[in-house]
Amino acid sequence: MNTTSPQSITYERRWWVLAVLAISVFLVVVDNLIVNVSLPTLQSELNATTTSLQWIVDSYALVFAGLLLAGGGIGDRYGRKRTLQIGLVLFAACSGMAAFASTTNSLIFWRGAMGIGAALVFPATLAIITNLFVDPIERAKAIGLWSAVSGMAVAFGPVVGGFMLEHFWWGSVFLINLPIVAISLIAGARLIPDSRNPDAHALDKVGFLLSVIAIGSLVFTVIESPHWGWGSQKSNLGFGIAVLTLIGFVMFESKKEAPLLEVTFFKSARFSAATGSIGIAFFCLFGFTFLVTQYFQFVRGYDTLSAGVHTIPFAVGAGVTAPLAARAALKFGTKRIVALGLFNMSVGLLIASRMDADSSYWGHVIISMVLMANGLSFVTSPSTDAVMGSLPREKAGVGSAVNDISREVGGTLGVAVVGSVFVSLYTPQLVRSFEKIPGLIDGLNKTNPELYPMAQDSVGAAFAISQQTPAGLQPLVINAVSDSFVHGFQTASLVGAGMALVGAIFALKFLPARPSVDDSSTILH
């Protein structure tokens, strides 16, 4: 008679479970970035402006970030396996609709809807890992591998996207999600154990609503403020709503017997400083990725597949470093490793600020990417372990959501702020350069009066002008656009470098090297 319990069988298969969860998180992260390599294609196919491109990227991040805390709470309350699988099905369905979108507005809508599914998937993966790997050393290794997959997805997104765009139409970058979801669902149904908070109360509906409004209004305002104007009435109103709602959320949750989020968790320096470090790292990463994919295609002239392939060193650097980072943090302390990671990202961005159209790929370009990749892994793997190791196991879903919110809010801020800095420098530089080309602006206004204003807001449209000008002017136009892009790119990279350096100092000052005595009562073992 076989007396092996289901729990022991699951424990023996825990590394296979991790592989399934890694596939699921790979899907979510890849889709956050796979669209970046298709931005130039979308500019031409859907006549998308730079603003529309930002929203195609950010609509997913906006909904994803806004619903993460709620998604983590739902998993804790109703079961993480069920929540994960419902999220995957929803993600696949919305991916199919996005693939056949015919306008930028419809694509933005379905990208946002995909964020709902992602908000259910992402917290569940990390919460299941935390509940399955109860030994602190094994948990650190598992989270290191989970982080490695996330890091590799950052680079493989452009590679996969570039391959699909090279052989199929742009909608294929979304259809690729369907077979991956099918594999995750089938394997997950057999392998993944269910877990939930055994003492869960009714879902905190007020906390749910307040968290969505607070995070959603913050992310939305950050995205739109570059267009409204920082300090404008709309911008101030948006930030005011976010702050007031956040205060209301904290006050309500602190008094509620069974809150969606125990706000007292933030009293732990290990929890709060690790969360902040992750946010800063993804601020730098997403801002850099948003621009570098356009740099490869517009300035370097790579096609979509080649642009993706040229990001592979990032995947290699992130994949190799993440497991090592988890072990290094155990040996040398979280503080030192996370600070080193942010410092490496700062150096990588500083090198990127020296890139121009003639920079050697095997020089400035690859060095900056490798430093960014290993820096990201040095931050995310130990910081994620610090966040999850500071919480009781029954709150793993909400804890995972806080970790993920810091990623998404940081990343969205990165795209918005870095994108804003870029446009504020690119546009006037382009105008000055075009004014120096004899007869160019007058000729454009006669042949296509809408093209020149579009060029000031869209790099793709600016390069398209070169195809509509006399052959003698084409090199001048291409050089003007390329120089204007590089001018904005270099300064935006310096902004990211400064942010990463501030983050490194922040980690050294506030992030504990080891769990404190207070934290030890909640560490999951």
Protein backbone atom coordinates (compact mmCIF):
# COMPACT_ATOMS: atom_id res chain seq x y z
CA MET A 1 0.00 0.00 0.00
CA ASN A 2 1.37 3.45 -0.98
CA THR A 3 1.30 5.78 2.00
CA THR A 4 3.00 8.72 0.31
CA SER A 5 0.96 11.85 1.01
CA PRO A 6 0.05 14.39 -1.70
CA GLN A 7 2.05 17.00 0.23
CA SER A 8 5.25 14.93 0.10
CA ILE A 9 4.78 14.22 -3.61
CA THR A 10 4.38 17.95 -4.24
CA TYR A 11 7.48 18.70 -2.18
CA GLU A 12 9.52 16.18 -4.19
CA ARG A 13 8.35 17.86 -7.39
CA ARG A 14 8.92 21.42 -6.10
CA TRP A 15 11.61 22.22 -8.67
CA TRP A 16 9.26 21.10 -11.48
CA VAL A 17 6.59 23.36 -9.97
CA LEU A 18 9.14 26.18 -10.03
CA ALA A 19 9.70 25.54 -13.76
CA VAL A 20 5.96 25.89 -14.46
CA LEU A 21 5.75 29.07 -12.42
CA ALA A 22 8.81 30.40 -14.24
CA ILE A 23 7.05 29.88 -17.58
CA SER A 24 4.06 31.85 -16.28
CA VAL A 25 6.14 34.75 -14.99
CA PHE A 26 8.23 34.72 -18.18
CA LEU A 27 5.02 35.23 -20.13
CA VAL A 28 3.95 38.24 -18.08
CA VAL A 29 7.37 39.93 -18.14
CA VAL A 30 7.97 39.23 -21.83
CA ASP A 31 4.65 40.82 -22.73
CA ASN A 32 5.56 43.86 -20.71
CA LEU A 33 8.53 44.35 -23.04
CA ILE A 34 7.90 42.40 -26.27
CA VAL A 35 5.87 45.29 -27.63
CA ASN A 36 8.88 47.65 -27.39
CA VAL A 37 10.59 46.12 -30.42
CA SER A 38 7.39 46.53 -32.44
CA LEU A 39 7.06 50.26 -31.68
CA PRO A 40 8.59 51.39 -34.99
CA THR A 41 6.34 48.95 -36.88
CA LEU A 42 3.27 50.21 -35.02
CA GLN A 43 4.24 53.77 -35.90
CA SER A 44 3.98 52.94 -39.59
CA GLU A 45 1.17 50.33 -39.54
CA LEU A 46 -1.22 52.16 -37.18
CA ASN A 47 0.09 55.72 -37.64
CA ALA A 48 0.90 55.86 -33.94
CA THR A 49 2.41 59.00 -32.43
CA THR A 50 5.00 58.91 -29.64
CA THR A 51 2.17 59.56 -27.18
CA SER A 52 0.22 56.59 -28.54
CA LEU A 53 3.33 54.42 -28.36
CA GLN A 54 3.78 55.34 -24.69
CA TRP A 55 0.17 54.37 -24.03
CA ILE A 56 0.52 51.06 -25.89
CA VAL A 57 3.38 50.31 -23.47
CA ASP A 58 1.84 51.90 -20.39
CA SER A 59 -1.81 50.80 -20.61
CA TYR A 60 -0.68 47.29 -19.71
CA ALA A 61 1.50 48.61 -16.89
CA LEU A 62 -1.27 50.93 -15.61
CA VAL A 63 -3.89 48.19 -15.19
CA PHE A 64 -1.30 45.64 -14.07
CA ALA A 65 0.01 47.93 -11.32
CA GLY A 66 -3.42 49.15 -10.27
CA LEU A 67 -4.80 45.65 -9.71
CA LEU A 68 -1.73 43.86 -8.32
CA LEU A 69 -2.57 44.35 -4.65
CA ALA A 70 -6.11 43.22 -5.27
CA GLY A 71 -4.83 40.25 -7.30
CA GLY A 72 -2.56 39.17 -4.47
CA GLY A 73 -5.42 39.47 -1.96
CA ILE A 74 -7.73 37.41 -4.19
CA GLY A 75 -5.09 34.67 -4.39
CA ASP A 76 -4.66 34.62 -0.60
CA ARG A 77 -8.44 34.51 -0.15
CA TYR A 78 -9.65 32.15 -2.88
CA GLY A 79 -6.57 30.06 -3.65
CA ARG A 80 -3.40 30.95 -5.55
CA LYS A 81 -3.51 28.08 -8.04
CA ARG A 82 -7.06 28.92 -9.11
CA THR A 83 -6.22 32.62 -9.33
CA LEU A 84 -3.13 31.86 -11.41
CA GLN A 85 -5.03 29.73 -13.90
CA ILE A 86 -7.95 32.17 -14.26
CA GLY A 87 -5.41 34.92 -14.87
CA LEU A 88 -3.67 32.87 -17.57
CA VAL A 89 -6.93 32.19 -19.41
CA LEU A 90 -7.90 35.88 -19.28
CA PHE A 91 -4.42 36.87 -20.42
CA ALA A 92 -4.61 34.54 -23.43
CA ALA A 93 -8.08 35.71 -24.45
CA CYS A 94 -7.09 39.39 -24.37
CA SER A 95 -3.84 38.63 -26.23
CA GLY A 96 -5.88 37.18 -29.06
CA MET A 97 -8.02 40.33 -29.25
CA ALA A 98 -4.94 42.59 -29.15
CA ALA A 99 -3.41 40.69 -32.07
CA PHE A 100 -6.29 41.70 -34.35
CA ALA A 101 -6.70 45.30 -33.15
CA SER A 102 -7.13 47.66 -36.11
CA THR A 103 -6.52 51.00 -34.38
CA THR A 104 -4.17 52.32 -31.73
CA ASN A 105 -7.10 52.91 -29.36
CA SER A 106 -8.31 49.32 -29.60
CA LEU A 107 -4.77 48.01 -29.14
CA ILE A 108 -4.35 50.22 -26.07
CA PHE A 109 -7.65 48.87 -24.67
CA TRP A 110 -6.78 45.20 -25.11
CA ARG A 111 -3.25 45.76 -23.80
CA GLY A 112 -4.88 47.19 -20.69
CA ALA A 113 -7.21 44.21 -20.43
CA MET A 114 -4.22 41.88 -20.58
CA GLY A 115 -2.99 43.68 -17.47
CA ILE A 116 -5.97 42.28 -15.53
CA GLY A 117 -4.84 38.72 -16.23
CA ALA A 118 -1.22 39.61 -15.45
CA ALA A 119 -2.26 41.09 -12.09
CA LEU A 120 -3.74 37.70 -11.14
CA VAL A 121 -0.77 35.68 -12.43
CA PHE A 122 2.28 37.52 -11.16
CA PRO A 123 1.61 37.64 -7.39
CA ALA A 124 0.40 34.04 -7.39
CA THR A 125 3.68 32.70 -8.81
CA LEU A 126 5.84 34.22 -6.10
CA ALA A 127 3.34 33.40 -3.34
CA ILE A 128 3.30 29.72 -4.38
CA ILE A 129 7.11 29.63 -4.42
CA THR A 130 7.24 31.14 -0.93
CA ASN A 131 4.80 28.58 0.44
CA LEU A 132 6.48 25.62 -1.27
CA PHE A 133 10.12 26.46 -0.47
CA VAL A 134 10.00 26.87 3.29
CA ASP A 135 13.74 26.51 3.96
CA PRO A 136 15.31 30.03 3.83
CA ILE A 137 18.34 28.89 1.80
CA GLU A 138 16.24 26.94 -0.70
CA ARG A 139 13.79 29.83 -0.90
CA ALA A 140 16.63 32.22 -1.74
CA LYS A 141 17.80 29.88 -4.53
CA ALA A 142 14.25 29.48 -5.88
CA ILE A 143 13.64 33.23 -5.86
CA GLY A 144 17.05 33.67 -7.50
CA LEU A 145 15.98 31.40 -10.37
CA TRP A 146 12.57 33.14 -10.52
CA SER A 147 14.40 36.49 -10.79
CA ALA A 148 16.74 35.08 -13.43
CA VAL A 149 13.77 34.16 -15.60
CA SER A 150 12.34 37.65 -15.13
CA GLY A 151 15.67 39.17 -16.11
CA MET A 152 16.11 36.97 -19.16
CA ALA A 153 12.58 37.78 -20.27
CA VAL A 154 13.58 41.44 -20.44
CA ALA A 155 15.95 40.62 -23.31
CA PHE A 156 14.17 37.66 -24.88
CA GLY A 157 11.05 39.81 -25.32
CA PRO A 158 12.74 41.88 -28.05
CA VAL A 159 14.32 38.75 -29.59
CA VAL A 160 11.01 36.89 -29.85
CA GLY A 161 9.24 40.05 -30.97
CA GLY A 162 11.88 40.71 -33.60
CA PHE A 163 11.66 37.15 -34.95
CA MET A 164 7.87 37.31 -35.19
CA LEU A 165 7.93 40.70 -36.90
CA GLU A 166 10.57 39.45 -39.33
CA HIS A 167 8.36 36.56 -40.49
CA PHE A 168 4.77 37.57 -39.66
CA TRP A 169 2.62 40.63 -39.08
CA TRP A 170 2.80 42.72 -35.88
CA GLY A 171 -0.16 40.95 -34.25
CA SER A 172 1.90 37.77 -34.01
CA VAL A 173 3.79 39.20 -31.01
CA PHE A 174 0.56 38.72 -29.05
CA LEU A 175 -0.51 35.38 -30.53
CA ILE A 176 2.75 33.83 -29.32
CA ASN A 177 1.24 34.02 -25.82
CA LEU A 178 -1.42 31.41 -26.56
CA PRO A 179 0.74 28.25 -26.79
CA ILE A 180 2.76 29.36 -23.74
CA VAL A 181 -0.44 29.75 -21.75
CA ALA A 182 -1.60 26.30 -22.88
CA ILE A 183 1.64 24.70 -21.62
CA SER A 184 1.38 26.53 -18.29
CA LEU A 185 -2.24 25.54 -17.78
CA ILE A 186 -1.76 21.85 -18.58
CA ALA A 187 1.44 21.44 -16.56
CA GLY A 188 0.14 23.61 -13.72
CA ALA A 189 -3.07 21.62 -13.36
CA ARG A 190 -1.00 18.49 -12.64
CA LEU A 191 1.88 19.90 -10.62
CA ILE A 192 1.02 23.11 -8.79
CA PRO A 193 -0.37 22.69 -5.25
CA ASP A 194 -3.11 24.98 -4.05
CA SER A 195 -2.47 27.28 -1.13
CA ARG A 196 -4.36 30.10 0.53
CA ASN A 197 -4.65 31.98 3.80
CA PRO A 198 -6.45 29.47 6.07
CA ASP A 199 -7.77 32.30 8.26
CA ALA A 200 -8.87 34.53 5.40
CA HIS A 201 -11.84 36.78 6.08
CA ALA A 202 -14.18 38.27 3.52
CA LEU A 203 -12.36 40.22 0.82
CA ASP A 204 -11.63 43.78 1.92
CA LYS A 205 -13.74 45.55 -0.73
CA VAL A 206 -13.04 49.08 0.51
CA GLY A 207 -9.30 48.41 0.64
CA PHE A 208 -9.56 46.81 -2.81
CA LEU A 209 -11.22 49.94 -4.26
CA LEU A 210 -8.92 52.43 -2.52
CA SER A 211 -5.78 50.56 -3.65
CA VAL A 212 -6.95 50.57 -7.27
CA ILE A 213 -7.75 54.31 -7.18
CA ALA A 214 -4.51 55.25 -5.39
CA ILE A 215 -2.13 53.25 -7.59
CA GLY A 216 -4.10 53.78 -10.79
CA SER A 217 -4.34 57.58 -10.38
CA LEU A 218 -0.64 57.81 -9.54
CA VAL A 219 0.46 55.80 -12.59
CA PHE A 220 -2.03 57.57 -14.90
CA THR A 221 -0.90 61.02 -13.75
CA VAL A 222 2.76 60.16 -14.20
CA ILE A 223 2.06 58.94 -17.73
CA GLU A 224 0.05 62.02 -18.73
CA SER A 225 1.94 64.77 -16.87
CA PRO A 226 4.58 65.19 -19.60
CA HIS A 227 1.74 66.12 -21.97
CA TRP A 228 -0.34 68.12 -19.49
CA GLY A 229 2.75 69.85 -18.11
CA TRP A 230 4.35 69.07 -14.76
CA GLY A 231 2.75 71.39 -12.21
CA SER A 232 -0.34 71.99 -14.39
CA GLN A 233 -3.82 71.93 -12.88
CA LYS A 234 -4.57 68.47 -14.25
CA SER A 235 -1.25 67.10 -13.05
CA ASN A 236 -1.67 68.53 -9.55
CA LEU A 237 -5.23 67.20 -9.38
CA GLY A 238 -4.10 63.71 -10.37
CA PHE A 239 -1.30 63.61 -7.81
CA GLY A 240 -3.67 65.07 -5.21
CA ILE A 241 -6.18 62.25 -5.78
CA ALA A 242 -3.39 59.66 -5.54
CA VAL A 243 -2.02 61.10 -2.26
CA LEU A 244 -5.40 61.58 -0.60
CA THR A 245 -6.58 58.11 -1.60
CA LEU A 246 -3.33 56.57 -0.39
CA ILE A 247 -3.73 58.34 2.98
CA GLY A 248 -7.31 57.09 3.15
CA PHE A 249 -6.14 53.56 2.33
CA VAL A 250 -3.49 53.59 5.06
CA MET A 251 -5.93 54.97 7.66
CA PHE A 252 -8.64 52.48 6.76
CA GLU A 253 -6.32 49.47 6.60
CA SER A 254 -4.64 50.32 9.91
CA LYS A 255 -8.01 50.19 11.71
CA LYS A 256 -9.52 47.20 9.92
CA GLU A 257 -9.40 43.83 11.69
CA ALA A 258 -8.71 41.85 8.49
CA PRO A 259 -7.13 44.34 6.04
CA LEU A 260 -6.11 43.71 2.47
CA LEU A 261 -2.60 44.92 3.40
CA GLU A 262 -1.07 45.06 6.86
CA VAL A 263 0.42 48.55 6.65
CA THR A 264 2.54 47.74 9.71
CA PHE A 265 4.68 45.61 7.36
CA PHE A 266 6.29 48.86 6.20
CA LYS A 267 7.68 49.46 9.69
CA SER A 268 10.22 46.78 8.79
CA ALA A 269 13.21 48.53 7.21
CA ARG A 270 14.06 45.29 5.40
CA PHE A 271 10.62 45.15 3.78
CA SER A 272 10.24 48.84 2.87
CA ALA A 273 13.84 49.52 1.75
CA ALA A 274 13.92 46.36 -0.39
CA THR A 275 10.64 47.41 -2.02
CA GLY A 276 12.05 50.87 -2.76
CA SER A 277 15.24 49.41 -4.25
CA ILE A 278 13.23 47.25 -6.65
CA GLY A 279 11.20 50.29 -7.76
CA ILE A 280 14.34 52.31 -8.50
CA ALA A 281 15.92 49.44 -10.46
CA PHE A 282 12.87 49.07 -12.68
CA PHE A 283 12.61 52.83 -13.14
CA CYS A 284 16.04 52.69 -14.75
CA LEU A 285 15.42 49.46 -16.66
CA PHE A 286 12.11 50.39 -18.31
CA GLY A 287 13.24 53.90 -19.18
CA PHE A 288 16.40 52.55 -20.81
CA THR A 289 14.57 49.74 -22.65
CA PHE A 290 11.94 52.13 -24.05
CA LEU A 291 14.65 54.17 -25.77
CA VAL A 292 17.33 51.60 -26.61
CA THR A 293 15.03 49.51 -28.82
CA GLN A 294 14.34 52.63 -30.89
CA TYR A 295 18.07 53.47 -30.86
CA PHE A 296 18.88 50.09 -32.39
CA GLN A 297 16.31 50.39 -35.16
CA PHE A 298 16.31 54.10 -35.97
CA VAL A 299 19.89 55.21 -35.25
CA ARG A 300 21.79 51.95 -35.90
CA GLY A 301 19.46 50.86 -38.71
CA TYR A 302 18.91 47.29 -37.45
CA ASP A 303 15.80 45.45 -38.57
CA THR A 304 13.40 44.16 -35.89
CA LEU A 305 14.99 40.71 -35.54
CA SER A 306 18.52 42.07 -35.47
CA ALA A 307 17.50 44.64 -32.85
CA GLY A 308 16.19 41.83 -30.67
CA VAL A 309 19.26 39.63 -31.17
CA HIS A 310 21.52 42.51 -30.15
CA THR A 311 19.84 42.52 -26.72
CA ILE A 312 20.81 38.88 -25.99
CA PRO A 313 23.83 39.91 -23.86
CA PHE A 314 21.31 41.44 -21.46
CA ALA A 315 19.54 38.08 -21.10
CA VAL A 316 22.83 36.24 -20.57
CA GLY A 317 24.03 38.74 -17.99
CA ALA A 318 20.76 38.66 -16.06
CA GLY A 319 20.39 34.88 -16.22
CA VAL A 320 23.91 34.16 -14.98
CA THR A 321 23.89 36.79 -12.24
CA ALA A 322 20.50 36.23 -10.56
CA PRO A 323 21.24 32.83 -8.92
CA LEU A 324 24.69 34.07 -7.89
CA ALA A 325 23.15 37.23 -6.42
CA ALA A 326 20.89 35.21 -4.10
CA ARG A 327 23.87 33.26 -2.74
CA ALA A 328 26.03 36.37 -2.48
CA ALA A 329 23.33 38.11 -0.43
CA LEU A 330 23.29 35.20 2.01
CA LYS A 331 27.07 35.43 2.39
CA PHE A 332 27.75 39.18 2.24
CA GLY A 333 24.40 40.65 3.26
CA THR A 334 21.50 42.12 1.27
CA LYS A 335 22.65 45.72 1.77
CA ARG A 336 25.98 45.35 -0.02
CA ILE A 337 24.70 43.27 -2.94
CA VAL A 338 21.67 45.49 -3.67
CA ALA A 339 23.76 48.66 -3.43
CA LEU A 340 26.35 47.12 -5.76
CA GLY A 341 23.59 46.25 -8.22
CA LEU A 342 22.22 49.80 -8.31
CA PHE A 343 25.74 51.19 -8.63
CA ASN A 344 26.39 48.88 -11.62
CA MET A 345 23.17 50.07 -13.24
CA SER A 346 24.30 53.66 -12.70
CA VAL A 347 27.65 52.96 -14.38
CA GLY A 348 25.90 51.14 -17.24
CA LEU A 349 23.61 54.11 -17.87
CA LEU A 350 26.53 56.51 -17.63
CA ILE A 351 28.28 54.54 -20.38
CA ALA A 352 25.03 54.52 -22.39
CA SER A 353 24.99 58.32 -22.19
CA ARG A 354 28.17 58.28 -24.31
CA MET A 355 26.58 56.22 -27.10
CA ASP A 356 26.01 57.77 -30.51
CA ALA A 357 25.35 56.57 -34.05
CA ASP A 358 28.96 55.47 -34.51
CA SER A 359 29.51 53.74 -31.15
CA SER A 360 30.99 50.26 -31.38
CA TYR A 361 28.47 47.56 -30.43
CA TRP A 362 31.29 45.61 -28.75
CA GLY A 363 32.29 48.74 -26.86
CA HIS A 364 29.89 51.18 -25.21
CA VAL A 365 26.74 49.31 -26.22
CA ILE A 366 27.45 45.82 -24.92
CA ILE A 367 29.28 47.02 -21.81
CA SER A 368 26.34 49.20 -20.80
CA MET A 369 23.85 46.34 -21.34
CA VAL A 370 25.88 43.79 -19.36
CA LEU A 371 26.30 46.20 -16.44
CA MET A 372 22.58 46.99 -16.52
CA ALA A 373 21.73 43.26 -16.60
CA ASN A 374 23.92 42.11 -13.74
CA GLY A 375 22.99 45.21 -11.76
CA LEU A 376 19.30 44.42 -12.15
CA SER A 377 19.82 40.84 -10.94
CA PHE A 378 21.90 41.98 -7.97
CA VAL A 379 18.94 44.15 -6.96
CA THR A 380 15.88 42.05 -7.70
CA SER A 381 16.87 38.61 -6.44
CA PRO A 382 18.06 39.61 -2.92
CA SER A 383 15.43 42.37 -2.56
CA THR A 384 12.58 40.03 -3.49
CA ASP A 385 13.83 37.45 -1.00
CA ALA A 386 14.04 40.20 1.64
CA VAL A 387 10.45 41.29 0.96
CA MET A 388 8.99 37.79 1.00
CA GLY A 389 11.14 36.67 3.93
CA SER A 390 9.80 39.53 6.06
CA LEU A 391 6.17 38.38 5.90
CA PRO A 392 4.06 35.58 7.39
CA ARG A 393 3.36 32.79 4.90
CA GLU A 394 -0.42 33.33 4.84
CA LYS A 395 0.17 36.88 3.52
CA ALA A 396 2.49 35.74 0.72
CA GLY A 397 0.08 36.82 -2.03
CA VAL A 398 -0.23 40.38 -0.79
CA GLY A 399 3.51 40.53 -0.09
CA SER A 400 4.23 39.37 -3.62
CA ALA A 401 1.84 42.03 -4.91
CA VAL A 402 3.70 44.79 -3.04
CA ASN A 403 6.93 43.53 -4.58
CA ASP A 404 5.33 43.54 -8.02
CA ILE A 405 3.73 46.97 -7.57
CA SER A 406 7.15 48.45 -6.89
CA ARG A 407 8.32 46.94 -10.20
CA GLU A 408 5.40 48.25 -12.21
CA VAL A 409 5.12 51.70 -10.66
CA GLY A 410 8.89 52.13 -10.91
CA GLY A 411 8.88 50.93 -14.51
CA THR A 412 5.97 53.16 -15.51
CA LEU A 413 7.63 56.15 -13.87
CA GLY A 414 10.78 55.27 -15.81
CA VAL A 415 9.01 55.27 -19.19
CA ALA A 416 7.13 58.47 -18.37
CA VAL A 417 10.00 60.47 -16.88
CA VAL A 418 12.76 59.25 -19.21
CA GLY A 419 10.40 59.58 -22.18
CA SER A 420 9.52 63.12 -21.10
CA VAL A 421 13.17 64.12 -20.77
CA PHE A 422 13.88 62.61 -24.18
CA VAL A 423 11.03 64.43 -25.97
CA SER A 424 11.83 67.76 -24.28
CA LEU A 425 15.33 67.63 -25.81
CA TYR A 426 14.67 65.74 -29.05
CA THR A 427 11.94 68.07 -30.35
CA PRO A 428 13.71 71.46 -30.14
CA GLN A 429 16.95 69.92 -31.44
CA LEU A 430 15.08 68.47 -34.44
CA VAL A 431 13.43 71.83 -35.18
CA ARG A 432 16.78 73.62 -35.08
CA SER A 433 18.40 71.00 -37.32
CA PHE A 434 15.58 71.00 -39.88
CA GLU A 435 15.60 74.82 -40.03
CA LYS A 436 19.23 74.65 -41.17
CA ILE A 437 18.37 72.42 -44.18
CA PRO A 438 17.55 74.78 -47.09
CA GLY A 439 13.96 74.53 -48.32
CA LEU A 440 13.11 71.43 -46.27
CA ILE A 441 10.32 72.81 -44.09
CA ASP A 442 8.71 74.80 -46.91
CA GLY A 443 8.79 71.71 -49.13
CA LEU A 444 7.20 69.55 -46.43
CA ASN A 445 4.45 72.07 -45.76
CA LYS A 446 3.58 72.07 -49.47
CA THR A 447 3.61 68.30 -50.01
CA ASN A 448 2.33 67.03 -46.64
CA PRO A 449 1.62 69.72 -44.01
CA GLU A 450 0.88 67.12 -41.33
CA LEU A 451 4.20 65.30 -41.58
CA TYR A 452 6.47 67.92 -40.00
CA PRO A 453 4.37 68.32 -36.81
CA MET A 454 4.22 64.52 -36.55
CA ALA A 455 8.01 64.31 -36.89
CA GLN A 456 8.40 66.50 -33.82
CA ASP A 457 6.46 63.93 -31.77
CA SER A 458 7.51 60.72 -33.53
CA VAL A 459 11.02 59.54 -34.39
CA GLY A 460 9.58 57.12 -36.94
CA ALA A 461 7.75 59.93 -38.73
CA ALA A 462 10.92 62.00 -38.73
CA PHE A 463 12.85 59.24 -40.46
CA ALA A 464 9.97 58.80 -42.91
CA ILE A 465 10.56 62.38 -44.06
CA SER A 466 13.89 61.29 -45.53
CA GLN A 467 11.99 59.06 -47.97
CA GLN A 468 9.95 62.03 -49.22
CA THR A 469 12.77 64.52 -49.76
CA PRO A 470 15.05 64.95 -52.76
CA ALA A 471 17.98 62.54 -52.87
CA GLY A 472 20.45 65.34 -52.20
CA LEU A 473 18.73 66.23 -48.90
CA GLN A 474 18.21 62.68 -47.60
CA PRO A 475 21.60 62.33 -45.84
CA LEU A 476 21.08 65.71 -44.15
CA VAL A 477 17.62 64.73 -42.91
CA ILE A 478 18.80 61.33 -41.62
CA ASN A 479 21.73 62.91 -39.79
CA ALA A 480 19.48 65.58 -38.28
CA VAL A 481 17.01 63.03 -36.91
CA SER A 482 19.76 60.71 -35.70
CA ASP A 483 21.62 63.54 -33.95
CA SER A 484 18.39 64.78 -32.34
CA PHE A 485 17.57 61.28 -31.08
CA VAL A 486 21.07 60.79 -29.67
CA HIS A 487 20.91 64.20 -27.96
CA GLY A 488 17.72 63.22 -26.13
CA PHE A 489 18.88 59.65 -25.49
CA GLN A 490 22.17 60.67 -23.91
CA THR A 491 20.59 63.12 -21.46
CA ALA A 492 17.78 60.72 -20.59
CA SER A 493 20.42 58.07 -19.82
CA LEU A 494 22.17 60.51 -17.48
CA VAL A 495 18.89 61.01 -15.62
CA GLY A 496 18.63 57.23 -15.18
CA ALA A 497 22.26 57.02 -14.02
CA GLY A 498 21.62 59.68 -11.39
CA MET A 499 18.51 57.86 -10.18
CA ALA A 500 20.39 54.55 -9.86
CA LEU A 501 23.21 56.22 -7.93
CA VAL A 502 20.72 57.76 -5.50
CA GLY A 503 19.20 54.29 -5.13
CA ALA A 504 22.57 52.77 -4.27
CA ILE A 505 23.10 55.37 -1.53
CA PHE A 506 19.52 54.77 -0.32
CA ALA A 507 20.16 51.01 -0.05
CA LEU A 508 23.42 51.49 1.86
CA LYS A 509 21.72 53.78 4.36
CA PHE A 510 18.35 52.10 4.93
CA LEU A 511 18.47 48.45 3.83
CA PRO A 512 19.58 46.08 6.64
CA ALA A 513 22.24 43.54 5.75
CA ARG A 514 20.43 40.75 7.59
CA PRO A 515 16.94 40.09 8.99
CA SER A 516 16.46 41.85 12.33
CA VAL A 517 15.14 40.19 15.47
CA ASP A 518 11.71 41.70 14.76
CA ASP A 519 11.71 40.30 11.23
CA SER A 520 12.76 36.85 12.38
CA SER A 521 9.36 36.21 13.90
CA THR A 522 7.73 36.41 10.49
CA ILE A 523 10.35 34.75 8.28
CA LEU A 524 8.88 31.76 6.54
CA HIS A 525 10.36 28.67 8.08
